C-alpha atoms as a PDB file:
ATOM      1  CA  UNK A   1    -200.295  52.906  91.001  1.00  0.00           C
ATOM      2  CA  UNK A   2    -199.788  56.587  89.853  1.00  0.00           C
ATOM      3  CA  UNK A   3    -197.608  57.830  87.174  1.00  0.00           C
ATOM      4  CA  UNK A   4    -196.689  61.292  86.278  1.00  0.00           C
ATOM      5  CA  UNK A   5    -195.015  62.252  83.146  1.00  0.00           C
ATOM      6  CA  UNK A   6    -193.829  65.858  81.960  1.00  0.00           C
ATOM      7  CA  UNK A   7    -192.012  65.890  78.629  1.00  0.00           C
ATOM      8  CA  UNK A   8    -192.025  69.758  78.171  1.00  0.00           C
ATOM      9  CA  UNK A   9    -194.162  71.035  75.094  1.00  0.00           C
ATOM     10  CA  UNK A  10    -194.507  67.771  74.164  1.00  0.00           C
ATOM     11  CA  UNK A  11    -196.574  65.375  76.851  1.00  0.00           C
ATOM     12  CA  UNK A  12    -197.940  65.979  80.249  1.00  0.00           C
ATOM     13  CA  UNK A  13    -199.823  63.353  81.467  1.00  0.00           C
ATOM     14  CA  UNK A  14    -200.987  61.541  85.256  1.00  0.00           C
ATOM     15  CA  UNK A  15    -202.001  58.127  84.851  1.00  0.00           C
ATOM     16  CA  UNK A  16    -203.565  56.326  88.020  1.00  0.00           C
ATOM     17  CA  UNK A  17    -202.846  52.637  86.587  1.00  0.00           C
ATOM     18  CA  UNK A  18    -205.627  50.119  87.059  1.00  0.00           C
ATOM     19  CA  UNK A  19    -204.292  46.397  86.263  1.00  0.00           C
ATOM     20  CA  UNK A  20    -205.593  46.774  82.514  1.00  0.00           C
ATOM     21  CA  UNK A  21    -204.838  50.631  81.332  1.00  0.00           C
ATOM     22  CA  UNK A  22    -205.811  51.520  77.985  1.00  0.00           C
ATOM     23  CA  UNK A  23    -204.361  54.669  76.105  1.00  0.00           C
ATOM     24  CA  UNK A  24    -206.691  56.099  73.099  1.00  0.00           C
ATOM     25  CA  UNK A  25    -205.873  58.912  70.657  1.00  0.00           C
ATOM     26  CA  UNK A  26    -205.382  60.031  67.340  1.00  0.00           C
ATOM     27  CA  UNK A  27    -202.102  59.391  65.278  1.00  0.00           C
ATOM     28  CA  UNK A  28    -199.170  61.500  66.723  1.00  0.00           C
ATOM     29  CA  UNK A  29    -200.827  62.209  70.056  1.00  0.00           C
ATOM     30  CA  UNK A  30    -197.811  60.628  71.976  1.00  0.00           C
ATOM     31  CA  UNK A  31    -199.035  57.162  72.972  1.00  0.00           C
ATOM     32  CA  UNK A  32    -195.920  55.254  72.001  1.00  0.00           C
ATOM     33  CA  UNK A  33    -193.562  57.907  73.502  1.00  0.00           C
ATOM     34  CA  UNK A  34    -195.591  57.373  76.686  1.00  0.00           C
ATOM     35  CA  UNK A  35    -195.123  53.901  76.603  1.00  0.00           C
ATOM     36  CA  UNK A  36    -191.329  54.117  75.703  1.00  0.00           C
ATOM     37  CA  UNK A  37    -190.965  56.596  78.469  1.00  0.00           C
ATOM     38  CA  UNK A  38    -192.357  54.170  80.795  1.00  0.00           C
ATOM     39  CA  UNK A  39    -189.924  51.667  80.087  1.00  0.00           C
ATOM     40  CA  UNK A  40    -187.016  53.887  79.534  1.00  0.00           C
ATOM     41  CA  UNK A  41    -187.721  55.256  83.360  1.00  0.00           C
ATOM     42  CA  UNK A  42    -187.646  51.813  84.716  1.00  0.00           C
ATOM     43  CA  UNK A  43    -185.096  50.601  82.718  1.00  0.00           C
ATOM     44  CA  UNK A  44    -182.706  53.569  84.156  1.00  0.00           C
ATOM     45  CA  UNK A  45    -183.864  52.605  87.411  1.00  0.00           C
ATOM     46  CA  UNK A  46    -183.010  48.733  87.383  1.00  0.00           C
ATOM     47  CA  UNK A  47    -179.808  49.224  85.021  1.00  0.00           C
ATOM     48  CA  UNK A  48    -178.408  52.415  86.451  1.00  0.00           C
ATOM     49  CA  UNK A  49    -177.573  53.917  83.211  1.00  0.00           C
ATOM     50  CA  UNK A  50    -179.465  56.185  80.635  1.00  0.00           C
ATOM     51  CA  UNK A  51    -180.933  54.396  77.897  1.00  0.00           C
ATOM     52  CA  UNK A  52    -179.868  55.699  74.434  1.00  0.00           C
ATOM     53  CA  UNK A  53    -184.164  55.714  73.669  1.00  0.00           C
ATOM     54  CA  UNK A  54    -184.704  58.056  76.426  1.00  0.00           C
ATOM     55  CA  UNK A  55    -181.773  60.333  75.259  1.00  0.00           C
ATOM     56  CA  UNK A  56    -182.983  60.408  71.769  1.00  0.00           C
ATOM     57  CA  UNK A  57    -186.708  61.185  73.198  1.00  0.00           C
ATOM     58  CA  UNK A  58    -185.487  64.329  75.330  1.00  0.00           C
ATOM     59  CA  UNK A  59    -183.134  65.739  72.863  1.00  0.00           C
ATOM     60  CA  UNK A  60    -186.426  66.786  71.434  1.00  0.00           C
ATOM     61  CA  UNK A  61    -187.135  69.291  73.979  1.00  0.00           C
ATOM     62  CA  UNK A  62    -185.992  73.029  73.521  1.00  0.00           C
ATOM     63  CA  UNK A  63    -187.788  74.968  76.116  1.00  0.00           C
ATOM     64  CA  UNK A  64    -186.455  73.289  79.190  1.00  0.00           C
ATOM     65  CA  UNK A  65    -182.832  73.138  80.671  1.00  0.00           C
ATOM     66  CA  UNK A  66    -184.108  70.604  83.514  1.00  0.00           C
ATOM     67  CA  UNK A  67    -187.233  69.389  84.506  1.00  0.00           C
ATOM     68  CA  UNK A  68    -188.537  66.317  86.395  1.00  0.00           C
ATOM     69  CA  UNK A  69    -189.634  63.562  83.692  1.00  0.00           C
ATOM     70  CA  UNK A  70    -191.489  61.133  85.800  1.00  0.00           C
ATOM     71  CA  UNK A  71    -192.905  60.444  88.910  1.00  0.00           C
ATOM     72  CA  UNK A  72    -194.394  56.891  89.915  1.00  0.00           C
ATOM     73  CA  UNK A  73    -195.878  56.084  93.080  1.00  0.00           C
ATOM     74  CA  UNK A  74    -197.007  52.485  94.323  1.00  0.00           C
ATOM     75  CA  UNK A  75    -197.691  52.286  97.944  1.00  0.00           C
ATOM     76  CA  UNK A  76    -194.460  53.543  99.825  1.00  0.00           C
ATOM     77  CA  UNK A  77    -192.482  53.061  96.895  1.00  0.00           C
ATOM     78  CA  UNK A  78    -191.513  55.844  94.716  1.00  0.00           C
ATOM     79  CA  UNK A  79    -189.263  56.576  91.923  1.00  0.00           C
ATOM     80  CA  UNK A  80    -188.491  60.127  90.380  1.00  0.00           C
ATOM     81  CA  UNK A  81    -186.588  60.378  87.150  1.00  0.00           C
ATOM     82  CA  UNK A  82    -184.952  64.053  86.502  1.00  0.00           C
ATOM     83  CA  UNK A  83    -183.741  65.128  83.317  1.00  0.00           C
ATOM     84  CA  UNK A  84    -181.347  67.704  81.501  1.00  0.00           C
ATOM     85  CA  UNK A  85    -180.884  67.666  77.882  1.00  0.00           C
ATOM     86  CA  UNK A  86    -177.532  65.982  78.371  1.00  0.00           C
ATOM     87  CA  UNK A  87    -178.477  63.602  81.280  1.00  0.00           C
ATOM     88  CA  UNK A  88    -181.430  61.724  83.460  1.00  0.00           C
ATOM     89  CA  UNK A  89    -181.030  60.192  86.997  1.00  0.00           C
ATOM     90  CA  UNK A  90    -183.280  57.818  89.013  1.00  0.00           C
ATOM     91  CA  UNK A  91    -183.895  58.177  92.421  1.00  0.00           C
ATOM     92  CA  UNK A  92    -186.316  56.154  94.738  1.00  0.00           C
ATOM     93  CA  UNK A  93    -187.180  52.539  95.724  1.00  0.00           C
ATOM     94  CA  UNK A  94    -189.977  51.562  92.957  1.00  0.00           C
ATOM     95  CA  UNK A  95    -188.015  49.260  90.771  1.00  0.00           C
ATOM     96  CA  UNK A  96    -190.245  47.187  88.052  1.00  0.00           C
ATOM     97  CA  UNK A  97    -189.388  44.814  85.395  1.00  0.00           C
ATOM     98  CA  UNK A  98    -190.961  46.095  82.241  1.00  0.00           C
ATOM     99  CA  UNK A  99    -191.531  44.578  78.645  1.00  0.00           C
ATOM    100  CA  UNK A 100    -192.300  46.321  75.551  1.00  0.00           C
ATOM    101  CA  UNK A 101    -194.419  44.500  73.241  1.00  0.00           C
ATOM    102  CA  UNK A 102    -193.968  46.923  69.990  1.00  0.00           C
ATOM    103  CA  UNK A 103    -196.173  47.618  67.091  1.00  0.00           C
ATOM    104  CA  UNK A 104    -193.228  46.590  64.851  1.00  0.00           C
ATOM    105  CA  UNK A 105    -193.390  43.148  65.816  1.00  0.00           C
ATOM    106  CA  UNK A 106    -194.087  41.446  62.506  1.00  0.00           C
ATOM    107  CA  UNK A 107    -190.895  43.083  61.028  1.00  0.00           C
ATOM    108  CA  UNK A 108    -188.780  42.040  63.938  1.00  0.00           C
ATOM    109  CA  UNK A 109    -190.131  38.374  64.244  1.00  0.00           C
ATOM    110  CA  UNK A 110    -189.997  37.796  60.244  1.00  0.00           C
ATOM    111  CA  UNK A 111    -186.929  39.765  59.680  1.00  0.00           C
ATOM    112  CA  UNK A 112    -185.021  40.064  62.834  1.00  0.00           C
ATOM    113  CA  UNK A 113    -184.769  43.890  62.255  1.00  0.00           C
ATOM    114  CA  UNK A 114    -184.642  45.277  65.848  1.00  0.00           C
ATOM    115  CA  UNK A 115    -184.626  49.056  65.847  1.00  0.00           C
ATOM    116  CA  UNK A 116    -181.484  49.966  67.918  1.00  0.00           C
ATOM    117  CA  UNK A 117    -183.359  51.114  71.144  1.00  0.00           C
ATOM    118  CA  UNK A 118    -183.786  49.751  74.533  1.00  0.00           C
ATOM    119  CA  UNK A 119    -187.643  48.940  74.437  1.00  0.00           C
ATOM    120  CA  UNK A 120    -186.854  46.995  71.460  1.00  0.00           C
ATOM    121  CA  UNK A 121    -184.208  44.766  72.943  1.00  0.00           C
ATOM    122  CA  UNK A 122    -186.589  43.644  75.935  1.00  0.00           C
ATOM    123  CA  UNK A 123    -188.842  42.155  73.022  1.00  0.00           C
ATOM    124  CA  UNK A 124    -185.779  40.649  71.082  1.00  0.00           C
ATOM    125  CA  UNK A 125    -184.405  39.110  74.241  1.00  0.00           C
ATOM    126  CA  UNK A 126    -188.194  37.456  74.605  1.00  0.00           C
ATOM    127  CA  UNK A 127    -187.802  35.916  71.014  1.00  0.00           C
ATOM    128  CA  UNK A 128    -184.030  34.904  71.827  1.00  0.00           C
ATOM    129  CA  UNK A 129    -185.615  32.447  74.497  1.00  0.00           C
ATOM    130  CA  UNK A 130    -188.421  31.407  72.569  1.00  0.00           C
ATOM    131  CA  UNK A 131    -186.206  30.587  69.733  1.00  0.00           C
ATOM    132  CA  UNK A 132    -183.707  28.293  71.897  1.00  0.00           C
ATOM    133  CA  UNK A 133    -186.483  26.519  73.504  1.00  0.00           C
ATOM    134  CA  UNK A 134    -186.276  28.139  76.686  1.00  0.00           C
ATOM    135  CA  UNK A 135    -189.495  27.073  78.803  1.00  0.00           C
ATOM    136  CA  UNK A 136    -190.556  26.574  82.426  1.00  0.00           C
ATOM    137  CA  UNK A 137    -193.831  25.760  84.151  1.00  0.00           C
ATOM    138  CA  UNK A 138    -195.778  29.414  84.098  1.00  0.00           C
ATOM    139  CA  UNK A 139    -196.953  30.469  87.388  1.00  0.00           C
ATOM    140  CA  UNK A 140    -200.276  31.360  85.737  1.00  0.00           C
ATOM    141  CA  UNK A 141    -201.215  29.048  82.987  1.00  0.00           C
ATOM    142  CA  UNK A 142    -203.279  29.820  80.009  1.00  0.00           C
ATOM    143  CA  UNK A 143    -206.039  27.527  79.212  1.00  0.00           C
ATOM    144  CA  UNK A 144    -207.402  28.165  75.759  1.00  0.00           C
ATOM    145  CA  UNK A 145    -207.094  26.416  72.417  1.00  0.00           C
ATOM    146  CA  UNK A 146    -206.400  28.673  69.223  1.00  0.00           C
ATOM    147  CA  UNK A 147    -205.314  28.315  65.844  1.00  0.00           C
ATOM    148  CA  UNK A 148    -202.198  31.026  66.467  1.00  0.00           C
ATOM    149  CA  UNK A 149    -199.386  28.346  67.171  1.00  0.00           C
ATOM    150  CA  UNK A 150    -196.054  29.504  66.793  1.00  0.00           C
ATOM    151  CA  UNK A 151    -193.081  26.616  68.033  1.00  0.00           C
ATOM    152  CA  UNK A 152    -189.471  26.980  67.761  1.00  0.00           C
ATOM    153  CA  UNK A 153    -187.966  24.923  64.906  1.00  0.00           C
ATOM    154  CA  UNK A 154    -183.702  25.345  65.113  1.00  0.00           C
ATOM    155  CA  UNK A 155    -182.988  28.762  65.996  1.00  0.00           C
ATOM    156  CA  UNK A 156    -185.960  30.432  64.395  1.00  0.00           C
ATOM    157  CA  UNK A 157    -189.865  30.316  64.761  1.00  0.00           C
ATOM    158  CA  UNK A 158    -192.149  28.505  62.821  1.00  0.00           C
ATOM    159  CA  UNK A 159    -196.189  28.468  62.830  1.00  0.00           C
ATOM    160  CA  UNK A 160    -197.898  25.003  63.208  1.00  0.00           C
ATOM    161  CA  UNK A 161    -200.892  24.331  61.075  1.00  0.00           C
ATOM    162  CA  UNK A 162    -202.953  21.113  60.473  1.00  0.00           C
ATOM    163  CA  UNK A 163    -199.687  18.904  62.176  1.00  0.00           C
ATOM    164  CA  UNK A 164    -197.049  20.842  59.334  1.00  0.00           C
ATOM    165  CA  UNK A 165    -194.508  23.461  60.481  1.00  0.00           C
ATOM    166  CA  UNK A 166    -194.514  26.748  58.035  1.00  0.00           C
ATOM    167  CA  UNK A 167    -191.561  29.587  58.216  1.00  0.00           C
ATOM    168  CA  UNK A 168    -193.040  32.125  60.078  1.00  0.00           C
ATOM    169  CA  UNK A 169    -192.121  34.652  57.478  1.00  0.00           C
ATOM    170  CA  UNK A 170    -195.111  33.263  55.506  1.00  0.00           C
ATOM    171  CA  UNK A 171    -197.444  33.750  58.638  1.00  0.00           C
ATOM    172  CA  UNK A 172    -200.101  36.308  58.821  1.00  0.00           C
ATOM    173  CA  UNK A 173    -199.929  39.367  61.158  1.00  0.00           C
ATOM    174  CA  UNK A 174    -202.519  37.633  63.386  1.00  0.00           C
ATOM    175  CA  UNK A 175    -200.402  34.544  63.632  1.00  0.00           C
ATOM    176  CA  UNK A 176    -197.207  36.505  64.719  1.00  0.00           C
ATOM    177  CA  UNK A 177    -198.650  38.845  66.991  1.00  0.00           C
ATOM    178  CA  UNK A 178    -200.597  36.493  69.140  1.00  0.00           C
ATOM    179  CA  UNK A 179    -198.699  33.276  68.266  1.00  0.00           C
ATOM    180  CA  UNK A 180    -195.684  35.062  70.229  1.00  0.00           C
ATOM    181  CA  UNK A 181    -197.705  36.060  72.860  1.00  0.00           C
ATOM    182  CA  UNK A 182    -199.398  32.896  73.414  1.00  0.00           C
ATOM    183  CA  UNK A 183    -196.052  31.047  73.121  1.00  0.00           C
ATOM    184  CA  UNK A 184    -194.468  33.387  75.663  1.00  0.00           C
ATOM    185  CA  UNK A 185    -197.226  33.277  78.158  1.00  0.00           C
ATOM    186  CA  UNK A 186    -197.480  29.224  77.807  1.00  0.00           C
ATOM    187  CA  UNK A 187    -193.572  28.804  78.332  1.00  0.00           C
ATOM    188  CA  UNK A 188    -193.539  31.033  81.651  1.00  0.00           C
ATOM    189  CA  UNK A 189    -191.380  33.918  79.869  1.00  0.00           C
ATOM    190  CA  UNK A 190    -193.654  36.477  81.145  1.00  0.00           C
ATOM    191  CA  UNK A 191    -193.768  35.424  84.883  1.00  0.00           C
ATOM    192  CA  UNK A 192    -190.707  37.706  85.807  1.00  0.00           C
ATOM    193  CA  UNK A 193    -192.023  41.053  84.666  1.00  0.00           C
ATOM    194  CA  UNK A 194    -194.359  43.545  86.400  1.00  0.00           C
ATOM    195  CA  UNK A 195    -195.417  45.923  83.881  1.00  0.00           C
ATOM    196  CA  UNK A 196    -196.499  44.764  79.945  1.00  0.00           C
ATOM    197  CA  UNK A 197    -196.567  47.378  77.751  1.00  0.00           C
ATOM    198  CA  UNK A 198    -198.466  46.818  74.110  1.00  0.00           C
ATOM    199  CA  UNK A 199    -198.289  49.279  71.278  1.00  0.00           C
ATOM    200  CA  UNK A 200    -200.821  49.286  68.915  1.00  0.00           C
ATOM    201  CA  UNK A 201    -202.607  46.029  70.714  1.00  0.00           C
ATOM    202  CA  UNK A 202    -205.392  45.571  68.151  1.00  0.00           C
ATOM    203  CA  UNK A 203    -203.689  46.721  64.863  1.00  0.00           C
ATOM    204  CA  UNK A 204    -203.731  44.395  61.959  1.00  0.00           C
ATOM    205  CA  UNK A 205    -205.859  41.848  63.771  1.00  0.00           C
ATOM    206  CA  UNK A 206    -209.492  40.190  62.314  1.00  0.00           C
ATOM    207  CA  UNK A 207    -212.117  41.064  65.115  1.00  0.00           C
ATOM    208  CA  UNK A 208    -212.300  37.680  66.591  1.00  0.00           C
ATOM    209  CA  UNK A 209    -208.304  37.936  66.790  1.00  0.00           C
ATOM    210  CA  UNK A 210    -208.889  41.146  68.863  1.00  0.00           C
ATOM    211  CA  UNK A 211    -211.479  39.332  70.952  1.00  0.00           C
ATOM    212  CA  UNK A 212    -208.314  36.864  72.013  1.00  0.00           C
ATOM    213  CA  UNK A 213    -206.063  39.770  72.179  1.00  0.00           C
ATOM    214  CA  UNK A 214    -208.570  41.623  75.022  1.00  0.00           C
ATOM    215  CA  UNK A 215    -209.009  38.221  76.819  1.00  0.00           C
ATOM    216  CA  UNK A 216    -205.014  37.526  76.884  1.00  0.00           C
ATOM    217  CA  UNK A 217    -204.697  41.395  78.364  1.00  0.00           C
ATOM    218  CA  UNK A 218    -207.127  40.692  80.953  1.00  0.00           C
ATOM    219  CA  UNK A 219    -205.677  37.424  81.663  1.00  0.00           C
ATOM    220  CA  UNK A 220    -202.081  38.731  81.995  1.00  0.00           C
ATOM    221  CA  UNK A 221    -203.707  41.454  84.391  1.00  0.00           C
ATOM    222  CA  UNK A 222    -205.677  38.690  86.491  1.00  0.00           C
ATOM    223  CA  UNK A 223    -202.034  37.253  86.958  1.00  0.00           C
ATOM    224  CA  UNK A 224    -200.794  40.373  88.883  1.00  0.00           C
ATOM    225  CA  UNK A 225    -199.620  42.240  85.957  1.00  0.00           C
ATOM    226  CA  UNK A 226    -200.203  45.756  85.076  1.00  0.00           C
ATOM    227  CA  UNK A 227    -200.674  45.982  81.324  1.00  0.00           C
ATOM    228  CA  UNK A 228    -200.890  49.107  79.307  1.00  0.00           C
ATOM    229  CA  UNK A 229    -202.197  49.100  76.157  1.00  0.00           C
ATOM    230  CA  UNK A 230    -202.474  51.558  73.382  1.00  0.00           C
ATOM    231  CA  UNK A 231    -204.947  51.582  70.671  1.00  0.00           C
ATOM    232  CA  UNK A 232    -206.936  53.375  67.915  1.00  0.00           C
ATOM    233  CA  UNK A 233    -210.171  51.271  68.274  1.00  0.00           C
ATOM    234  CA  UNK A 234    -213.385  52.316  69.974  1.00  0.00           C
ATOM    235  CA  UNK A 235    -214.435  48.848  69.121  1.00  0.00           C
ATOM    236  CA  UNK A 236    -211.305  47.450  71.109  1.00  0.00           C
ATOM    237  CA  UNK A 237    -212.128  49.533  73.771  1.00  0.00           C
ATOM    238  CA  UNK A 238    -215.775  48.025  73.958  1.00  0.00           C
ATOM    239  CA  UNK A 239    -213.964  44.603  73.956  1.00  0.00           C
ATOM    240  CA  UNK A 240    -211.803  45.224  76.881  1.00  0.00           C
ATOM    241  CA  UNK A 241    -215.077  46.688  78.773  1.00  0.00           C
ATOM    242  CA  UNK A 242    -216.511  43.097  78.111  1.00  0.00           C
ATOM    243  CA  UNK A 243    -213.999  40.712  79.723  1.00  0.00           C
ATOM    244  CA  UNK A 244    -216.522  37.890  80.362  1.00  0.00           C
ATOM    245  CA  UNK A 245    -218.168  37.703  76.922  1.00  0.00           C
ATOM    246  CA  UNK A 246    -214.585  37.554  75.642  1.00  0.00           C
ATOM    247  CA  UNK A 247    -213.749  34.623  77.677  1.00  0.00           C
ATOM    248  CA  UNK A 248    -217.015  32.999  76.407  1.00  0.00           C
ATOM    249  CA  UNK A 249    -215.959  33.953  72.644  1.00  0.00           C
ATOM    250  CA  UNK A 250    -212.227  32.285  72.940  1.00  0.00           C
ATOM    251  CA  UNK A 251    -213.833  29.506  75.137  1.00  0.00           C
ATOM    252  CA  UNK A 252    -211.287  30.454  77.833  1.00  0.00           C
ATOM    253  CA  UNK A 253    -211.551  30.608  81.884  1.00  0.00           C
ATOM    254  CA  UNK A 254    -213.509  33.287  82.805  1.00  0.00           C
ATOM    255  CA  UNK A 255    -211.095  36.303  83.708  1.00  0.00           C
ATOM    256  CA  UNK A 256    -211.734  39.963  84.759  1.00  0.00           C
ATOM    257  CA  UNK A 257    -209.570  42.971  85.722  1.00  0.00           C
ATOM    258  CA  UNK A 258    -210.331  46.243  86.501  1.00  0.00           C
ATOM    259  CA  UNK A 259    -209.678  48.609  83.582  1.00  0.00           C
ATOM    260  CA  UNK A 260    -209.499  52.181  82.486  1.00  0.00           C
ATOM    261  CA  UNK A 261    -209.276  54.232  79.959  1.00  0.00           C
ATOM    262  CA  UNK A 262    -207.164  57.228  78.723  1.00  0.00           C
ATOM    263  CA  UNK A 263    -207.696  59.391  75.897  1.00  0.00           C
ATOM    264  CA  UNK A 264    -204.587  60.911  75.172  1.00  0.00           C
ATOM    265  CA  UNK A 265    -205.504  64.455  73.302  1.00  0.00           C
ATOM    266  CA  UNK A 266    -203.447  68.096  72.970  1.00  0.00           C
ATOM    267  CA  UNK A 267    -200.788  66.370  75.385  1.00  0.00           C
ATOM    268  CA  UNK A 268    -202.903  65.728  78.094  1.00  0.00           C
ATOM    269  CA  UNK A 269    -204.580  62.324  79.227  1.00  0.00           C
ATOM    270  CA  UNK A 270    -208.467  62.333  80.269  1.00  0.00           C
ATOM    271  CA  UNK A 271    -209.718  59.426  82.478  1.00  0.00           C
ATOM    272  CA  UNK A 272    -212.608  57.749  81.342  1.00  0.00           C
ATOM    273  CA  UNK A 273    -213.916  55.069  83.756  1.00  0.00           C
ATOM    274  CA  UNK A 274    -215.837  52.713  83.462  1.00  0.00           C
ATOM    275  CA  UNK A 275    -214.572  51.690  80.024  1.00  0.00           C
ATOM    276  CA  UNK A 276    -217.178  53.062  77.490  1.00  0.00           C
ATOM    277  CA  UNK A 277    -216.918  52.960  73.404  1.00  0.00           C
ATOM    278  CA  UNK A 278    -218.496  56.517  73.107  1.00  0.00           C
ATOM    279  CA  UNK A 279    -215.890  59.084  74.106  1.00  0.00           C
ATOM    280  CA  UNK A 280    -217.429  62.650  73.425  1.00  0.00           C
ATOM    281  CA  UNK A 281    -216.005  64.126  70.181  1.00  0.00           C
ATOM    282  CA  UNK A 282    -213.537  61.032  69.672  1.00  0.00           C
ATOM    283  CA  UNK A 283    -215.879  58.301  68.622  1.00  0.00           C
ATOM    284  CA  UNK A 284    -218.338  60.535  66.704  1.00  0.00           C
ATOM    285  CA  UNK A 285    -215.196  61.680  64.641  1.00  0.00           C
ATOM    286  CA  UNK A 286    -214.262  58.082  63.862  1.00  0.00           C
ATOM    287  CA  UNK A 287    -218.153  57.190  62.797  1.00  0.00           C
ATOM    288  CA  UNK A 288    -217.757  60.330  60.392  1.00  0.00           C
ATOM    289  CA  UNK A 289    -214.952  58.738  58.708  1.00  0.00           C
ATOM    290  CA  UNK A 290    -217.098  55.766  57.780  1.00  0.00           C
ATOM    291  CA  UNK A 291    -219.964  57.589  57.380  1.00  0.00           C
ATOM    292  CA  UNK A 292    -222.247  56.313  60.406  1.00  0.00           C
ATOM    293  CA  UNK A 293    -224.378  58.442  62.279  1.00  0.00           C
ATOM    294  CA  UNK A 294    -224.644  57.862  66.304  1.00  0.00           C
ATOM    295  CA  UNK A 295    -227.635  58.216  67.865  1.00  0.00           C
ATOM    296  CA  UNK A 296    -227.116  58.485  71.186  1.00  0.00           C
ATOM    297  CA  UNK A 297    -230.295  57.346  73.731  1.00  0.00           C
ATOM    298  CA  UNK A 298    -230.559  58.703  77.249  1.00  0.00           C
END
């Protein structure tokens, strides 16, 4: 699937999506905005009304009165979103159901604070289904044993630990982030989504937990979904590039989906394929912060 997004003066990118698409870039480069714009465009098409989130983003534009915000194409299906400062409209046949997995997942799960914007509503709806014990046989079952177990208790979620139940408010970031994703997959709650957007996929996770996240991303993609995830971590990029090794680490069934990496910088997207943990300028900048010297072997 091809996606072009133009936010005049802010973001101008062209993406050719693989089943697993990673967005890498420094803070404030536009990764989260890009994910939200993708969600908002398909929400507009599906619901027939402009999301508040999209209005908020487009009101930051000062240089253009009217513009084509998004063009998406998959096979013979197309979608275009045209915007002015006051309104956006969607035309075309391409309609996909999209889930936004936000960076604020821990705050939302533990404290039920949901930012008042549509991408976050999709995640909150997922939580509501988990809390009321909604389940169905998953089309693509997950076969992996982990310590990150989240279960519904009453109208809330708890962590299952050594046979005991602990209120989720006391659980670690990894338990919340991975436990919710695992529970949603195992209960079939992700079956109806075509695109899953994961913001800051590796944030707050131990390296072993990152390996599980990389595995889950490939598992979702192997089930026919597009997974678009943002990251700051070149080591996580390397994990995504080695799905068979991640499958071995987490003792899961072997999964592997086509992957592509885009580095978001200076309002543009530069494609790197196949995936690599060494990106000219970016990796060396990160290494310099840690005082590590990189020696390239030709």
